[in-house]
Amino acid sequence: MDAEEARYAALRQFGGVAQVQERCRELRGWVWLEQFGKAFLLAARMLRKDPRFSVVAIFTLGAGIAATASLFSLVNGLLRDPLPYPDPGRLVSVWRKNIGEELSFTPLTIPDLFELPERAKCFAELGAFSVRRFNLGGERAEAVEGALCTAGLFRAVGVQPLHGRWFLPEDEAGESTAAVILSNELWTQRFAADPACIGRSVASTDETTRSSG
């Protein structure tokens, strides 16, 4: 065939020149960078045309990035990072399940806490806590975050006190002279990190508690 007829036959077999060029361009590893550059230039021209829209768009983008980063940090800390305890893989939370409701879980009641050691023999240690606020008295009154804990809580998580001791079963007898374990933050800020505070009384507006560590 002559040259013109051969050219048309080749185009029919291999496709148009523009289509072949596009496929070759897509095979190059840096085509995404070229497309990103074109999209960036187009966005810059559109934002320059309307400054008010530009401010709103930049603010929305910044808020979205901040929210995404915060959510990632939260999920990463909860799901990926291990708990700060010696053997986090063996720690479990125990809840009450209401029969007949698919997603209804509630904290254990006091009777549940007494029955659980007898009914569930698979746990090496059992501990419970209830978060609450305490009003410390003295020369400088202060409201602090705390919790009521059972004696087995800290044995269950496998941590050791810096000073003093953990709770004992006899400490659960009553709240009027209940033992207190100070957090490192409260011990440092309120008691100047003085180890001599162990064994002394800590006065509050509704009860007097004894520091044990």
N, C-alpha and C. Protein backbone atom coordinates (compact mmCIF):
# COMPACT_ATOMS: atom_id res chain seq x y z
N MET A 1 0.86 -1.20 0.00
CA MET A 1 0.00 0.00 0.00
C MET A 1 0.88 1.23 0.00
N ASP A 2 0.30 2.34 -0.47
CA ASP A 2 1.08 3.57 -0.50
C ASP A 2 1.17 4.17 0.91
N ALA A 3 1.93 5.24 1.03
CA ALA A 3 2.21 5.84 2.35
C ALA A 3 0.94 6.33 3.05
N GLU A 4 0.06 6.97 2.34
CA GLU A 4 -1.16 7.51 2.96
C GLU A 4 -2.05 6.38 3.45
N GLU A 5 -2.21 5.34 2.62
CA GLU A 5 -3.04 4.21 3.02
C GLU A 5 -2.41 3.47 4.20
N ALA A 6 -1.08 3.34 4.22
CA ALA A 6 -0.38 2.69 5.34
C ALA A 6 -0.56 3.49 6.64
N ARG A 7 -0.55 4.81 6.52
CA ARG A 7 -0.74 5.65 7.72
C ARG A 7 -2.11 5.43 8.33
N TYR A 8 -3.14 5.41 7.52
CA TYR A 8 -4.50 5.20 8.03
C TYR A 8 -4.65 3.78 8.62
N ALA A 9 -3.99 2.80 8.00
CA ALA A 9 -4.04 1.43 8.53
C ALA A 9 -3.37 1.35 9.90
N ALA A 10 -2.25 2.06 10.05
CA ALA A 10 -1.55 2.06 11.35
C ALA A 10 -2.39 2.75 12.43
N LEU A 11 -3.06 3.85 12.05
CA LEU A 11 -3.91 4.55 13.02
C LEU A 11 -5.07 3.68 13.46
N ARG A 12 -5.63 2.92 12.51
CA ARG A 12 -6.73 2.03 12.88
C ARG A 12 -6.26 0.92 13.82
N GLN A 13 -5.03 0.45 13.64
CA GLN A 13 -4.53 -0.66 14.46
C GLN A 13 -4.03 -0.20 15.82
N PHE A 14 -3.29 0.90 15.86
CA PHE A 14 -2.67 1.34 17.11
C PHE A 14 -3.46 2.44 17.83
N GLY A 15 -4.45 3.03 17.18
CA GLY A 15 -5.19 4.11 17.79
C GLY A 15 -4.66 5.46 17.37
N GLY A 16 -5.37 6.52 17.76
CA GLY A 16 -4.96 7.86 17.39
C GLY A 16 -3.68 8.28 18.09
N VAL A 17 -3.02 9.28 17.51
CA VAL A 17 -1.75 9.77 18.09
C VAL A 17 -1.98 10.34 19.48
N ALA A 18 -3.06 11.08 19.68
CA ALA A 18 -3.33 11.69 20.98
C ALA A 18 -3.56 10.61 22.05
N GLN A 19 -4.27 9.52 21.69
CA GLN A 19 -4.52 8.45 22.65
C GLN A 19 -3.21 7.73 23.03
N VAL A 20 -2.36 7.52 22.03
CA VAL A 20 -1.07 6.87 22.32
C VAL A 20 -0.21 7.75 23.20
N GLN A 21 -0.18 9.05 22.92
CA GLN A 21 0.60 9.97 23.75
C GLN A 21 0.08 9.98 25.20
N GLU A 22 -1.24 9.94 25.38
CA GLU A 22 -1.82 9.93 26.73
C GLU A 22 -1.43 8.67 27.49
N ARG A 23 -1.47 7.50 26.79
CA ARG A 23 -1.08 6.26 27.46
C ARG A 23 0.39 6.26 27.83
N CYS A 24 1.23 6.79 26.96
CA CYS A 24 2.66 6.87 27.28
C CYS A 24 2.91 7.82 28.45
N ARG A 25 2.14 8.92 28.47
CA ARG A 25 2.31 9.88 29.57
C ARG A 25 1.91 9.25 30.90
N GLU A 26 0.86 8.42 30.90
CA GLU A 26 0.40 7.77 32.12
C GLU A 26 1.40 6.73 32.63
N LEU A 27 2.22 6.19 31.73
CA LEU A 27 3.21 5.20 32.14
C LEU A 27 4.40 5.83 32.85
N ARG A 28 4.58 7.11 32.70
CA ARG A 28 5.68 7.77 33.39
C ARG A 28 5.36 7.89 34.87
N GLY A 29 6.36 7.70 35.73
CA GLY A 29 6.13 7.69 37.17
C GLY A 29 5.77 9.03 37.77
N TRP A 30 6.10 10.13 37.08
CA TRP A 30 5.87 11.44 37.67
C TRP A 30 4.65 12.15 37.09
N VAL A 31 3.75 11.39 36.45
CA VAL A 31 2.57 12.03 35.87
C VAL A 31 1.68 12.63 36.94
N TRP A 32 1.64 12.01 38.15
CA TRP A 32 0.81 12.55 39.23
C TRP A 32 1.29 13.92 39.66
N LEU A 33 2.63 14.15 39.57
CA LEU A 33 3.16 15.45 39.93
C LEU A 33 2.75 16.52 38.92
N GLU A 34 2.72 16.14 37.66
CA GLU A 34 2.27 17.06 36.62
C GLU A 34 0.81 17.42 36.81
N GLN A 35 -0.02 16.43 37.11
CA GLN A 35 -1.44 16.68 37.33
C GLN A 35 -1.66 17.53 38.58
N PHE A 36 -0.88 17.27 39.63
CA PHE A 36 -0.99 18.07 40.86
C PHE A 36 -0.62 19.52 40.59
N GLY A 37 0.44 19.74 39.79
CA GLY A 37 0.84 21.11 39.48
C GLY A 37 -0.23 21.86 38.71
N LYS A 38 -0.86 21.19 37.73
CA LYS A 38 -1.93 21.83 36.98
C LYS A 38 -3.12 22.16 37.87
N ALA A 39 -3.49 21.21 38.76
CA ALA A 39 -4.61 21.45 39.67
C ALA A 39 -4.30 22.59 40.64
N PHE A 40 -3.04 22.67 41.09
CA PHE A 40 -2.65 23.73 42.02
C PHE A 40 -2.71 25.08 41.34
N LEU A 41 -2.23 25.18 40.10
CA LEU A 41 -2.29 26.45 39.38
C LEU A 41 -3.73 26.88 39.12
N LEU A 42 -4.57 25.93 38.76
CA LEU A 42 -5.98 26.25 38.53
C LEU A 42 -6.64 26.75 39.81
N ALA A 43 -6.37 26.07 40.94
CA ALA A 43 -6.94 26.51 42.22
C ALA A 43 -6.44 27.89 42.61
N ALA A 44 -5.15 28.16 42.38
CA ALA A 44 -4.58 29.47 42.72
C ALA A 44 -5.24 30.57 41.91
N ARG A 45 -5.49 30.34 40.62
CA ARG A 45 -6.15 31.35 39.79
C ARG A 45 -7.58 31.61 40.27
N MET A 46 -8.29 30.54 40.67
CA MET A 46 -9.67 30.72 41.12
C MET A 46 -9.72 31.45 42.45
N LEU A 47 -8.79 31.15 43.34
CA LEU A 47 -8.78 31.82 44.64
C LEU A 47 -8.40 33.29 44.50
N ARG A 48 -7.54 33.60 43.53
CA ARG A 48 -7.11 34.99 43.35
C ARG A 48 -8.25 35.87 42.81
N LYS A 49 -9.19 35.25 42.12
CA LYS A 49 -10.30 36.02 41.57
C LYS A 49 -11.24 36.53 42.66
N ASP A 50 -11.40 35.78 43.75
CA ASP A 50 -12.36 36.14 44.81
C ASP A 50 -11.67 36.00 46.16
N PRO A 51 -11.11 37.09 46.73
CA PRO A 51 -10.38 37.01 48.01
C PRO A 51 -11.25 36.53 49.17
N ARG A 52 -12.53 36.90 49.18
CA ARG A 52 -13.40 36.47 50.28
C ARG A 52 -13.58 34.96 50.27
N PHE A 53 -13.81 34.42 49.08
CA PHE A 53 -13.91 32.97 48.96
C PHE A 53 -12.60 32.30 49.36
N SER A 54 -11.49 32.95 49.04
CA SER A 54 -10.18 32.40 49.39
C SER A 54 -10.03 32.27 50.90
N VAL A 55 -10.46 33.32 51.64
CA VAL A 55 -10.34 33.29 53.11
C VAL A 55 -11.19 32.15 53.68
N VAL A 56 -12.43 32.04 53.19
CA VAL A 56 -13.32 30.98 53.68
C VAL A 56 -12.75 29.60 53.35
N ALA A 57 -12.23 29.43 52.15
CA ALA A 57 -11.69 28.14 51.74
C ALA A 57 -10.47 27.76 52.58
N ILE A 58 -9.57 28.72 52.80
CA ILE A 58 -8.36 28.44 53.59
C ILE A 58 -8.73 28.12 55.03
N PHE A 59 -9.68 28.87 55.61
CA PHE A 59 -10.11 28.61 56.98
C PHE A 59 -10.75 27.23 57.09
N THR A 60 -11.61 26.88 56.12
CA THR A 60 -12.27 25.56 56.14
C THR A 60 -11.24 24.45 56.01
N LEU A 61 -10.27 24.64 55.11
CA LEU A 61 -9.23 23.62 54.93
C LEU A 61 -8.40 23.46 56.20
N GLY A 62 -8.05 24.59 56.84
CA GLY A 62 -7.27 24.51 58.08
C GLY A 62 -8.04 23.82 59.19
N ALA A 63 -9.35 24.15 59.33
CA ALA A 63 -10.16 23.49 60.35
C ALA A 63 -10.29 22.00 60.09
N GLY A 64 -10.45 21.63 58.81
CA GLY A 64 -10.55 20.21 58.48
C GLY A 64 -9.28 19.45 58.78
N ILE A 65 -8.13 20.06 58.47
CA ILE A 65 -6.85 19.40 58.76
C ILE A 65 -6.65 19.25 60.26
N ALA A 66 -7.00 20.29 61.02
CA ALA A 66 -6.84 20.22 62.48
C ALA A 66 -7.74 19.15 63.08
N ALA A 67 -9.00 19.08 62.61
CA ALA A 67 -9.92 18.07 63.13
C ALA A 67 -9.44 16.67 62.78
N THR A 68 -8.95 16.49 61.55
CA THR A 68 -8.45 15.18 61.14
C THR A 68 -7.24 14.77 61.96
N ALA A 69 -6.33 15.71 62.21
CA ALA A 69 -5.14 15.41 63.01
C ALA A 69 -5.52 15.04 64.44
N SER A 70 -6.48 15.77 65.02
CA SER A 70 -6.91 15.47 66.39
C SER A 70 -7.56 14.10 66.47
N LEU A 71 -8.42 13.79 65.49
CA LEU A 71 -9.08 12.49 65.47
C LEU A 71 -8.07 11.36 65.30
N PHE A 72 -7.08 11.57 64.43
CA PHE A 72 -6.06 10.54 64.23
C PHE A 72 -5.26 10.32 65.51
N SER A 73 -4.90 11.41 66.19
CA SER A 73 -4.16 11.27 67.44
C SER A 73 -4.96 10.50 68.48
N LEU A 74 -6.28 10.79 68.55
CA LEU A 74 -7.12 10.09 69.51
C LEU A 74 -7.22 8.61 69.18
N VAL A 75 -7.52 8.29 67.92
CA VAL A 75 -7.65 6.89 67.52
C VAL A 75 -6.32 6.16 67.65
N ASN A 76 -5.23 6.84 67.29
CA ASN A 76 -3.91 6.22 67.40
C ASN A 76 -3.57 5.91 68.84
N GLY A 77 -3.92 6.84 69.75
CA GLY A 77 -3.63 6.60 71.15
C GLY A 77 -4.48 5.51 71.77
N LEU A 78 -5.74 5.39 71.31
CA LEU A 78 -6.65 4.41 71.90
C LEU A 78 -6.49 3.02 71.30
N LEU A 79 -6.24 2.93 70.01
CA LEU A 79 -6.27 1.64 69.33
C LEU A 79 -4.89 1.08 69.01
N ARG A 80 -3.94 1.94 68.69
CA ARG A 80 -2.64 1.44 68.26
C ARG A 80 -1.63 1.39 69.39
N ASP A 81 -1.55 2.47 70.17
CA ASP A 81 -0.56 2.50 71.24
C ASP A 81 -1.00 1.61 72.38
N PRO A 82 -0.11 0.78 72.94
CA PRO A 82 -0.49 -0.08 74.06
C PRO A 82 -0.73 0.74 75.33
N LEU A 83 -1.54 0.20 76.23
CA LEU A 83 -1.77 0.87 77.50
C LEU A 83 -0.48 0.90 78.31
N PRO A 84 -0.26 1.93 79.13
CA PRO A 84 1.01 2.07 79.86
C PRO A 84 1.08 1.17 81.09
N TYR A 85 0.90 -0.12 80.87
CA TYR A 85 0.96 -1.09 81.97
C TYR A 85 1.86 -2.24 81.56
N PRO A 86 2.40 -2.99 82.52
CA PRO A 86 3.36 -4.05 82.20
C PRO A 86 2.83 -5.09 81.22
N ASP A 87 1.55 -5.49 81.33
CA ASP A 87 1.01 -6.54 80.47
C ASP A 87 -0.37 -6.13 79.97
N PRO A 88 -0.42 -5.11 79.07
CA PRO A 88 -1.73 -4.56 78.67
C PRO A 88 -2.60 -5.55 77.92
N GLY A 89 -2.01 -6.55 77.27
CA GLY A 89 -2.81 -7.49 76.50
C GLY A 89 -3.71 -8.37 77.34
N ARG A 90 -3.45 -8.44 78.64
CA ARG A 90 -4.26 -9.29 79.52
C ARG A 90 -5.31 -8.49 80.29
N LEU A 91 -5.37 -7.20 80.07
CA LEU A 91 -6.35 -6.36 80.77
C LEU A 91 -7.66 -6.32 79.99
N VAL A 92 -8.77 -6.50 80.70
CA VAL A 92 -10.09 -6.42 80.08
C VAL A 92 -11.01 -5.59 80.97
N SER A 93 -12.03 -5.02 80.36
CA SER A 93 -13.07 -4.29 81.10
C SER A 93 -14.30 -5.17 81.20
N VAL A 94 -14.93 -5.17 82.35
CA VAL A 94 -16.12 -5.97 82.59
C VAL A 94 -17.32 -5.04 82.74
N TRP A 95 -18.39 -5.31 81.97
CA TRP A 95 -19.60 -4.50 81.99
C TRP A 95 -20.80 -5.41 82.16
N ARG A 96 -21.92 -4.82 82.52
CA ARG A 96 -23.20 -5.53 82.56
C ARG A 96 -23.89 -5.39 81.21
N LYS A 97 -24.43 -6.50 80.72
CA LYS A 97 -25.16 -6.50 79.44
C LYS A 97 -26.63 -6.74 79.71
N ASN A 98 -27.45 -5.82 79.24
CA ASN A 98 -28.90 -5.96 79.39
C ASN A 98 -29.43 -6.91 78.33
N ILE A 99 -30.05 -7.99 78.75
CA ILE A 99 -30.58 -8.98 77.83
C ILE A 99 -31.72 -8.35 77.02
N GLY A 100 -31.69 -8.59 75.71
CA GLY A 100 -32.72 -8.05 74.83
C GLY A 100 -32.34 -6.75 74.16
N GLU A 101 -31.23 -6.14 74.57
CA GLU A 101 -30.76 -4.90 73.96
C GLU A 101 -29.36 -5.14 73.40
N GLU A 102 -29.19 -4.83 72.11
CA GLU A 102 -27.93 -5.16 71.44
C GLU A 102 -26.76 -4.35 71.97
N LEU A 103 -26.93 -3.04 72.11
CA LEU A 103 -25.82 -2.15 72.48
C LEU A 103 -26.12 -1.45 73.78
N SER A 104 -26.39 -2.19 74.82
CA SER A 104 -26.70 -1.60 76.12
C SER A 104 -25.77 -2.20 77.17
N PHE A 105 -24.72 -1.48 77.50
CA PHE A 105 -23.76 -1.90 78.50
C PHE A 105 -23.72 -0.87 79.61
N THR A 106 -23.76 -1.32 80.85
CA THR A 106 -23.75 -0.44 82.00
C THR A 106 -22.67 -0.89 82.98
N PRO A 107 -22.18 0.02 83.84
CA PRO A 107 -21.18 -0.37 84.83
C PRO A 107 -21.74 -1.40 85.82
N LEU A 108 -20.84 -2.11 86.45
CA LEU A 108 -21.24 -3.11 87.44
C LEU A 108 -21.80 -2.43 88.68
N THR A 109 -22.74 -3.09 89.33
CA THR A 109 -23.28 -2.60 90.59
C THR A 109 -22.46 -3.17 91.75
N ILE A 110 -22.72 -2.69 92.95
CA ILE A 110 -22.01 -3.19 94.13
C ILE A 110 -22.25 -4.70 94.33
N PRO A 111 -23.48 -5.19 94.22
CA PRO A 111 -23.66 -6.65 94.32
C PRO A 111 -22.90 -7.42 93.25
N ASP A 112 -22.80 -6.85 92.04
CA ASP A 112 -22.04 -7.52 90.99
C ASP A 112 -20.58 -7.67 91.40
N LEU A 113 -20.03 -6.63 92.04
CA LEU A 113 -18.62 -6.68 92.43
C LEU A 113 -18.37 -7.80 93.44
N PHE A 114 -19.32 -8.02 94.33
CA PHE A 114 -19.14 -9.07 95.33
C PHE A 114 -19.33 -10.46 94.72
N GLU A 115 -20.19 -10.57 93.72
CA GLU A 115 -20.47 -11.87 93.12
C GLU A 115 -19.46 -12.26 92.05
N LEU A 116 -18.82 -11.28 91.42
CA LEU A 116 -17.95 -11.58 90.29
C LEU A 116 -16.80 -12.53 90.64
N PRO A 117 -16.08 -12.36 91.75
CA PRO A 117 -14.99 -13.31 92.04
C PRO A 117 -15.46 -14.75 92.16
N GLU A 118 -16.70 -14.96 92.63
CA GLU A 118 -17.20 -16.33 92.76
C GLU A 118 -17.71 -16.88 91.44
N ARG A 119 -18.23 -16.02 90.59
CA ARG A 119 -18.82 -16.49 89.34
C ARG A 119 -17.82 -16.57 88.20
N ALA A 120 -16.76 -15.77 88.24
CA ALA A 120 -15.77 -15.75 87.15
C ALA A 120 -14.40 -16.10 87.74
N LYS A 121 -13.97 -17.32 87.51
CA LYS A 121 -12.70 -17.80 88.04
C LYS A 121 -11.54 -17.57 87.07
N CYS A 122 -11.79 -16.94 85.93
CA CYS A 122 -10.76 -16.81 84.91
C CYS A 122 -9.87 -15.59 85.13
N PHE A 123 -10.21 -14.73 86.10
CA PHE A 123 -9.43 -13.51 86.32
C PHE A 123 -8.37 -13.75 87.39
N ALA A 124 -7.15 -13.29 87.11
CA ALA A 124 -6.08 -13.38 88.11
C ALA A 124 -6.29 -12.34 89.20
N GLU A 125 -6.73 -11.14 88.82
CA GLU A 125 -7.02 -10.06 89.77
C GLU A 125 -8.25 -9.31 89.29
N LEU A 126 -8.97 -8.75 90.23
CA LEU A 126 -10.15 -7.94 89.92
C LEU A 126 -10.07 -6.63 90.67
N GLY A 127 -10.39 -5.56 90.00
CA GLY A 127 -10.41 -4.25 90.64
C GLY A 127 -11.50 -3.39 90.05
N ALA A 128 -12.00 -2.46 90.84
CA ALA A 128 -13.07 -1.57 90.38
C ALA A 128 -12.79 -0.15 90.87
N PHE A 129 -13.34 0.83 90.15
CA PHE A 129 -13.17 2.22 90.55
C PHE A 129 -14.38 3.02 90.12
N SER A 130 -14.61 4.13 90.80
CA SER A 130 -15.69 5.06 90.48
C SER A 130 -15.14 6.47 90.56
N VAL A 131 -15.12 7.17 89.44
CA VAL A 131 -14.54 8.52 89.37
C VAL A 131 -15.43 9.51 90.10
N ARG A 132 -14.81 10.41 90.85
CA ARG A 132 -15.55 11.46 91.55
C ARG A 132 -14.61 12.61 91.87
N ARG A 133 -15.16 13.70 92.43
CA ARG A 133 -14.36 14.86 92.82
C ARG A 133 -14.29 14.94 94.34
N PHE A 134 -13.15 15.40 94.84
CA PHE A 134 -12.93 15.57 96.26
C PHE A 134 -12.55 17.01 96.55
N ASN A 135 -13.05 17.52 97.67
CA ASN A 135 -12.73 18.87 98.10
C ASN A 135 -11.73 18.80 99.25
N LEU A 136 -10.49 19.14 98.96
CA LEU A 136 -9.45 19.12 99.98
C LEU A 136 -9.51 20.41 100.78
N GLY A 137 -9.38 20.28 102.11
CA GLY A 137 -9.38 21.45 102.97
C GLY A 137 -7.96 21.90 103.30
N GLY A 138 -7.81 22.50 104.46
CA GLY A 138 -6.51 23.01 104.87
C GLY A 138 -6.36 24.48 104.56
N GLU A 139 -5.12 24.94 104.52
CA GLU A 139 -4.86 26.35 104.27
C GLU A 139 -5.30 26.76 102.87
N ARG A 140 -5.21 25.86 101.93
CA ARG A 140 -5.59 26.17 100.55
C ARG A 140 -6.60 25.14 100.08
N ALA A 141 -7.88 25.52 100.10
CA ALA A 141 -8.93 24.61 99.66
C ALA A 141 -8.81 24.38 98.16
N GLU A 142 -9.11 23.15 97.77
CA GLU A 142 -8.92 22.79 96.37
C GLU A 142 -9.82 21.61 96.02
N ALA A 143 -10.44 21.67 94.85
CA ALA A 143 -11.23 20.55 94.33
C ALA A 143 -10.35 19.75 93.37
N VAL A 144 -10.27 18.45 93.60
CA VAL A 144 -9.39 17.60 92.79
C VAL A 144 -10.18 16.42 92.25
N GLU A 145 -9.71 15.90 91.12
CA GLU A 145 -10.30 14.71 90.53
C GLU A 145 -9.72 13.47 91.23
N GLY A 146 -10.57 12.50 91.49
CA GLY A 146 -10.12 11.29 92.14
C GLY A 146 -11.05 10.14 91.82
N ALA A 147 -10.91 9.07 92.58
CA ALA A 147 -11.75 7.90 92.36
C ALA A 147 -11.78 7.06 93.63
N LEU A 148 -12.89 6.39 93.85
CA LEU A 148 -12.99 5.38 94.88
C LEU A 148 -12.56 4.05 94.27
N CYS A 149 -11.59 3.38 94.88
CA CYS A 149 -11.01 2.18 94.29
C CYS A 149 -11.08 1.01 95.27
N THR A 150 -11.13 -0.18 94.69
CA THR A 150 -11.02 -1.39 95.51
C THR A 150 -9.55 -1.75 95.67
N ALA A 151 -9.29 -2.64 96.61
CA ALA A 151 -7.91 -2.99 96.92
C ALA A 151 -7.21 -3.70 95.77
N GLY A 152 -7.94 -4.39 94.90
CA GLY A 152 -7.31 -5.15 93.84
C GLY A 152 -7.04 -4.38 92.57
N LEU A 153 -7.41 -3.10 92.50
CA LEU A 153 -7.30 -2.37 91.25
C LEU A 153 -5.85 -2.27 90.78
N PHE A 154 -4.96 -1.83 91.66
CA PHE A 154 -3.58 -1.60 91.24
C PHE A 154 -2.82 -2.91 91.04
N ARG A 155 -3.21 -3.94 91.76
CA ARG A 155 -2.61 -5.26 91.49
C ARG A 155 -3.04 -5.76 90.11
N ALA A 156 -4.27 -5.43 89.72
CA ALA A 156 -4.77 -5.89 88.42
C ALA A 156 -4.01 -5.24 87.27
N VAL A 157 -3.71 -3.95 87.38
CA VAL A 157 -2.99 -3.28 86.30
C VAL A 157 -1.49 -3.50 86.39
N GLY A 158 -1.00 -4.02 87.51
CA GLY A 158 0.39 -4.41 87.62
C GLY A 158 1.38 -3.28 87.80
N VAL A 159 0.99 -2.20 88.45
CA VAL A 159 1.90 -1.09 88.70
C VAL A 159 2.27 -1.03 90.17
N GLN A 160 3.37 -0.35 90.46
CA GLN A 160 3.87 -0.24 91.82
C GLN A 160 3.89 1.21 92.26
N PRO A 161 3.65 1.48 93.55
CA PRO A 161 3.69 2.86 94.04
C PRO A 161 5.12 3.37 94.12
N LEU A 162 5.29 4.66 93.93
CA LEU A 162 6.61 5.27 94.08
C LEU A 162 7.04 5.27 95.54
N HIS A 163 6.11 5.54 96.43
CA HIS A 163 6.35 5.51 97.87
C HIS A 163 5.13 4.90 98.55
N GLY A 164 5.32 4.34 99.71
CA GLY A 164 4.20 3.82 100.48
C GLY A 164 3.71 2.48 99.93
N ARG A 165 2.41 2.26 100.03
CA ARG A 165 1.83 0.98 99.64
C ARG A 165 0.51 1.21 98.92
N TRP A 166 -0.01 0.13 98.31
CA TRP A 166 -1.33 0.16 97.71
C TRP A 166 -2.39 -0.09 98.78
N PHE A 167 -3.65 -0.06 98.38
CA PHE A 167 -4.74 -0.33 99.31
C PHE A 167 -4.71 -1.78 99.77
N LEU A 168 -5.20 -2.00 100.98
CA LEU A 168 -5.37 -3.33 101.55
C LEU A 168 -6.86 -3.64 101.69
N PRO A 169 -7.23 -4.90 101.78
CA PRO A 169 -8.66 -5.22 101.93
C PRO A 169 -9.30 -4.53 103.12
N GLU A 170 -8.55 -4.37 104.22
CA GLU A 170 -9.14 -3.71 105.38
C GLU A 170 -9.40 -2.22 105.15
N ASP A 171 -8.76 -1.62 104.14
CA ASP A 171 -9.02 -0.22 103.82
C ASP A 171 -10.40 -0.02 103.22
N GLU A 172 -11.02 -1.10 102.74
CA GLU A 172 -12.35 -1.00 102.14
C GLU A 172 -13.46 -1.02 103.17
N ALA A 173 -13.12 -1.16 104.45
CA ALA A 173 -14.15 -1.33 105.49
C ALA A 173 -15.05 -0.11 105.60
N GLY A 174 -14.49 1.09 105.53
CA GLY A 174 -15.31 2.29 105.68
C GLY A 174 -14.63 3.48 105.08
N GLU A 175 -15.43 4.54 104.83
CA GLU A 175 -14.88 5.73 104.20
C GLU A 175 -14.47 6.80 105.20
N SER A 176 -14.87 6.69 106.46
CA SER A 176 -14.55 7.74 107.43
C SER A 176 -13.06 7.85 107.66
N THR A 177 -12.34 6.74 107.61
CA THR A 177 -10.89 6.77 107.78
C THR A 177 -10.24 6.06 106.59
N ALA A 178 -10.76 6.28 105.41
CA ALA A 178 -10.27 5.57 104.23
C ALA A 178 -8.85 6.02 103.90
N ALA A 179 -8.07 5.07 103.40
CA ALA A 179 -6.71 5.39 102.97
C ALA A 179 -6.76 6.10 101.63
N VAL A 180 -5.75 6.90 101.37
CA VAL A 180 -5.67 7.70 100.15
C VAL A 180 -4.34 7.43 99.46
N ILE A 181 -4.39 7.28 98.16
CA ILE A 181 -3.19 7.21 97.33
C ILE A 181 -3.15 8.48 96.49
N LEU A 182 -2.07 9.22 96.60
CA LEU A 182 -1.93 10.48 95.90
C LEU A 182 -1.33 10.24 94.51
N SER A 183 -1.86 10.94 93.53
CA SER A 183 -1.23 10.91 92.21
C SER A 183 0.07 11.69 92.27
N ASN A 184 0.95 11.43 91.31
CA ASN A 184 2.23 12.13 91.30
C ASN A 184 2.04 13.63 91.12
N GLU A 185 1.04 14.02 90.31
CA GLU A 185 0.79 15.44 90.09
C GLU A 185 0.34 16.13 91.37
N LEU A 186 -0.63 15.53 92.08
CA LEU A 186 -1.11 16.13 93.32
C LEU A 186 -0.03 16.11 94.39
N TRP A 187 0.71 15.03 94.49
CA TRP A 187 1.80 14.92 95.46
C TRP A 187 2.86 16.00 95.23
N THR A 188 3.14 16.30 93.96
CA THR A 188 4.15 17.30 93.63
C THR A 188 3.64 18.71 93.87
N GLN A 189 2.41 19.00 93.43
CA GLN A 189 1.90 20.36 93.51
C GLN A 189 1.41 20.73 94.90
N ARG A 190 0.75 19.81 95.58
CA ARG A 190 0.13 20.12 96.87
C ARG A 190 1.07 19.86 98.04
N PHE A 191 1.91 18.82 97.92
CA PHE A 191 2.76 18.41 99.03
C PHE A 191 4.25 18.54 98.73
N ALA A 192 4.58 19.27 97.67
CA ALA A 192 5.97 19.57 97.32
C ALA A 192 6.82 18.30 97.19
N ALA A 193 6.20 17.20 96.76
CA ALA A 193 6.90 15.92 96.55
C ALA A 193 7.65 15.48 97.80
N ASP A 194 7.04 15.69 98.97
CA ASP A 194 7.67 15.33 100.25
C ASP A 194 7.26 13.91 100.64
N PRO A 195 8.20 12.94 100.69
CA PRO A 195 7.84 11.58 101.10
C PRO A 195 7.33 11.51 102.53
N ALA A 196 7.61 12.52 103.35
CA ALA A 196 7.17 12.50 104.74
C ALA A 196 5.67 12.65 104.88
N CYS A 197 4.95 12.96 103.82
CA CYS A 197 3.50 13.11 103.92
C CYS A 197 2.81 11.76 104.06
N ILE A 198 3.52 10.66 103.81
CA ILE A 198 2.93 9.33 103.95
C ILE A 198 2.57 9.09 105.42
N GLY A 199 1.35 8.65 105.66
CA GLY A 199 0.89 8.41 107.01
C GLY A 199 0.19 9.58 107.65
N ARG A 200 0.29 10.77 107.06
CA ARG A 200 -0.38 11.93 107.61
C ARG A 200 -1.83 11.98 107.12
N SER A 201 -2.65 12.78 107.79
CA SER A 201 -4.06 12.92 107.43
C SER A 201 -4.25 14.03 106.41
N VAL A 202 -5.18 13.79 105.50
CA VAL A 202 -5.55 14.79 104.50
C VAL A 202 -6.99 15.18 104.77
N ALA A 203 -7.23 16.42 105.13
CA ALA A 203 -8.58 16.87 105.50
C ALA A 203 -9.36 17.30 104.26
N SER A 204 -10.64 16.95 104.24
CA SER A 204 -11.53 17.38 103.17
C SER A 204 -12.79 17.94 103.81
N THR A 205 -13.67 18.50 102.99
CA THR A 205 -14.85 19.16 103.51
C THR A 205 -15.88 18.15 104.07
N ASP A 206 -15.82 16.90 103.59
CA ASP A 206 -16.83 15.95 104.03
C ASP A 206 -16.26 14.74 104.75
N GLU A 207 -14.94 14.55 104.73
CA GLU A 207 -14.37 13.40 105.43
C GLU A 207 -12.90 13.64 105.68
N THR A 208 -12.32 12.88 106.63
CA THR A 208 -10.89 12.93 106.89
C THR A 208 -10.29 11.62 106.46
N THR A 209 -9.32 11.69 105.56
CA THR A 209 -8.72 10.48 105.01
C THR A 209 -7.25 10.43 105.35
N ARG A 210 -6.74 9.22 105.41
CA ARG A 210 -5.34 9.01 105.79
C ARG A 210 -4.53 8.64 104.57
N SER A 211 -3.39 9.33 104.35
CA SER A 211 -2.55 9.07 103.20
C SER A 211 -1.75 7.80 103.42
N SER A 212 -1.77 6.89 102.41
CA SER A 212 -1.02 5.65 102.52
C SER A 212 0.07 5.54 101.48
N GLY A 213 0.17 6.45 100.57
CA GLY A 213 1.21 6.37 99.55
C GLY A 213 0.94 7.34 98.43
